[in-house]
């Protein structure tokens, strides 16, 4: 999924403000935003360093 951001997008790491320059390639992130007609997400907020989901017990 493609995510777009703007100068208004807020970045956060560990519940504290962060800079987009702190984003690392391949890092898991959470995105809060709106879906555009193109299918892309326009991010209002990007949460850096989100842990990978835990596998479901079978």
C-alpha atoms as a PDB file:
ATOM      1  CA  UNK A   1       0.000   0.000   0.000  1.00  0.00           C
ATOM      2  CA  UNK A   2       1.365   3.412  -0.908  1.00  0.00           C
ATOM      3  CA  UNK A   3       1.334   6.103   1.778  1.00  0.00           C
ATOM      4  CA  UNK A   4       1.706   9.811   1.082  1.00  0.00           C
ATOM      5  CA  UNK A   5       2.524  12.452   3.647  1.00  0.00           C
ATOM      6  CA  UNK A   6       2.724  16.232   3.722  1.00  0.00           C
ATOM      7  CA  UNK A   7       4.257  18.988   5.805  1.00  0.00           C
ATOM      8  CA  UNK A   8       1.196  18.668   8.092  1.00  0.00           C
ATOM      9  CA  UNK A   9       1.802  14.962   8.823  1.00  0.00           C
ATOM     10  CA  UNK A  10       2.899  14.295  12.413  1.00  0.00           C
ATOM     11  CA  UNK A  11       5.550  11.664  13.140  1.00  0.00           C
ATOM     12  CA  UNK A  12       5.741   9.911  16.498  1.00  0.00           C
ATOM     13  CA  UNK A  13       8.029   7.325  18.139  1.00  0.00           C
ATOM     14  CA  UNK A  14       7.290   5.865  21.585  1.00  0.00           C
ATOM     15  CA  UNK A  15       4.451   8.377  22.068  1.00  0.00           C
ATOM     16  CA  UNK A  16       6.851  11.319  21.568  1.00  0.00           C
ATOM     17  CA  UNK A  17       7.205  13.662  18.583  1.00  0.00           C
ATOM     18  CA  UNK A  18       9.715  12.503  15.965  1.00  0.00           C
ATOM     19  CA  UNK A  19      11.109  13.737  12.661  1.00  0.00           C
ATOM     20  CA  UNK A  20      10.514  12.011   9.324  1.00  0.00           C
ATOM     21  CA  UNK A  21      14.310  11.710   9.026  1.00  0.00           C
ATOM     22  CA  UNK A  22      14.145   9.161  11.877  1.00  0.00           C
ATOM     23  CA  UNK A  23      12.194   6.741   9.669  1.00  0.00           C
ATOM     24  CA  UNK A  24      14.320   3.755   8.638  1.00  0.00           C
ATOM     25  CA  UNK A  25      13.969   1.700   5.477  1.00  0.00           C
ATOM     26  CA  UNK A  26      12.091  -1.530   6.214  1.00  0.00           C
ATOM     27  CA  UNK A  27      10.815  -0.277   9.579  1.00  0.00           C
ATOM     28  CA  UNK A  28       7.275  -1.216  10.588  1.00  0.00           C
ATOM     29  CA  UNK A  29       5.033   1.832  10.955  1.00  0.00           C
ATOM     30  CA  UNK A  30       1.436   2.573  11.826  1.00  0.00           C
ATOM     31  CA  UNK A  31      -0.475   5.073   9.716  1.00  0.00           C
ATOM     32  CA  UNK A  32      -3.524   7.128  10.650  1.00  0.00           C
ATOM     33  CA  UNK A  33      -5.043   8.874   7.664  1.00  0.00           C
ATOM     34  CA  UNK A  34      -7.562   8.910   4.858  1.00  0.00           C
ATOM     35  CA  UNK A  35      -7.859   6.766   1.760  1.00  0.00           C
ATOM     36  CA  UNK A  36      -7.591   8.786  -1.440  1.00  0.00           C
ATOM     37  CA  UNK A  37      -9.594   7.970  -4.597  1.00  0.00           C
ATOM     38  CA  UNK A  38      -6.332   6.621  -6.081  1.00  0.00           C
ATOM     39  CA  UNK A  39      -6.195   3.957  -3.329  1.00  0.00           C
ATOM     40  CA  UNK A  40      -3.251   5.631  -1.606  1.00  0.00           C
ATOM     41  CA  UNK A  41      -3.359   6.676   2.050  1.00  0.00           C
ATOM     42  CA  UNK A  42      -2.761  10.334   2.972  1.00  0.00           C
ATOM     43  CA  UNK A  43      -1.186  10.145   6.414  1.00  0.00           C
ATOM     44  CA  UNK A  44      -2.236  12.521   9.172  1.00  0.00           C
ATOM     45  CA  UNK A  45       0.070  10.730  11.609  1.00  0.00           C
ATOM     46  CA  UNK A  46       2.804   8.104  11.206  1.00  0.00           C
ATOM     47  CA  UNK A  47       3.809   6.000  14.208  1.00  0.00           C
ATOM     48  CA  UNK A  48       7.427   4.849  13.889  1.00  0.00           C
ATOM     49  CA  UNK A  49       8.778   1.619  15.355  1.00  0.00           C
ATOM     50  CA  UNK A  50       5.487  -0.252  15.629  1.00  0.00           C
ATOM     51  CA  UNK A  51       6.201  -3.868  16.642  1.00  0.00           C
ATOM     52  CA  UNK A  52       5.319  -6.640  14.215  1.00  0.00           C
ATOM     53  CA  UNK A  53       1.992  -8.350  14.973  1.00  0.00           C
ATOM     54  CA  UNK A  54       2.200 -11.459  17.136  1.00  0.00           C
ATOM     55  CA  UNK A  55       1.256 -14.709  15.381  1.00  0.00           C
ATOM     56  CA  UNK A  56      -2.166 -16.020  16.306  1.00  0.00           C
ATOM     57  CA  UNK A  57      -2.213 -19.150  18.484  1.00  0.00           C
ATOM     58  CA  UNK A  58      -3.667 -22.154  16.720  1.00  0.00           C
END
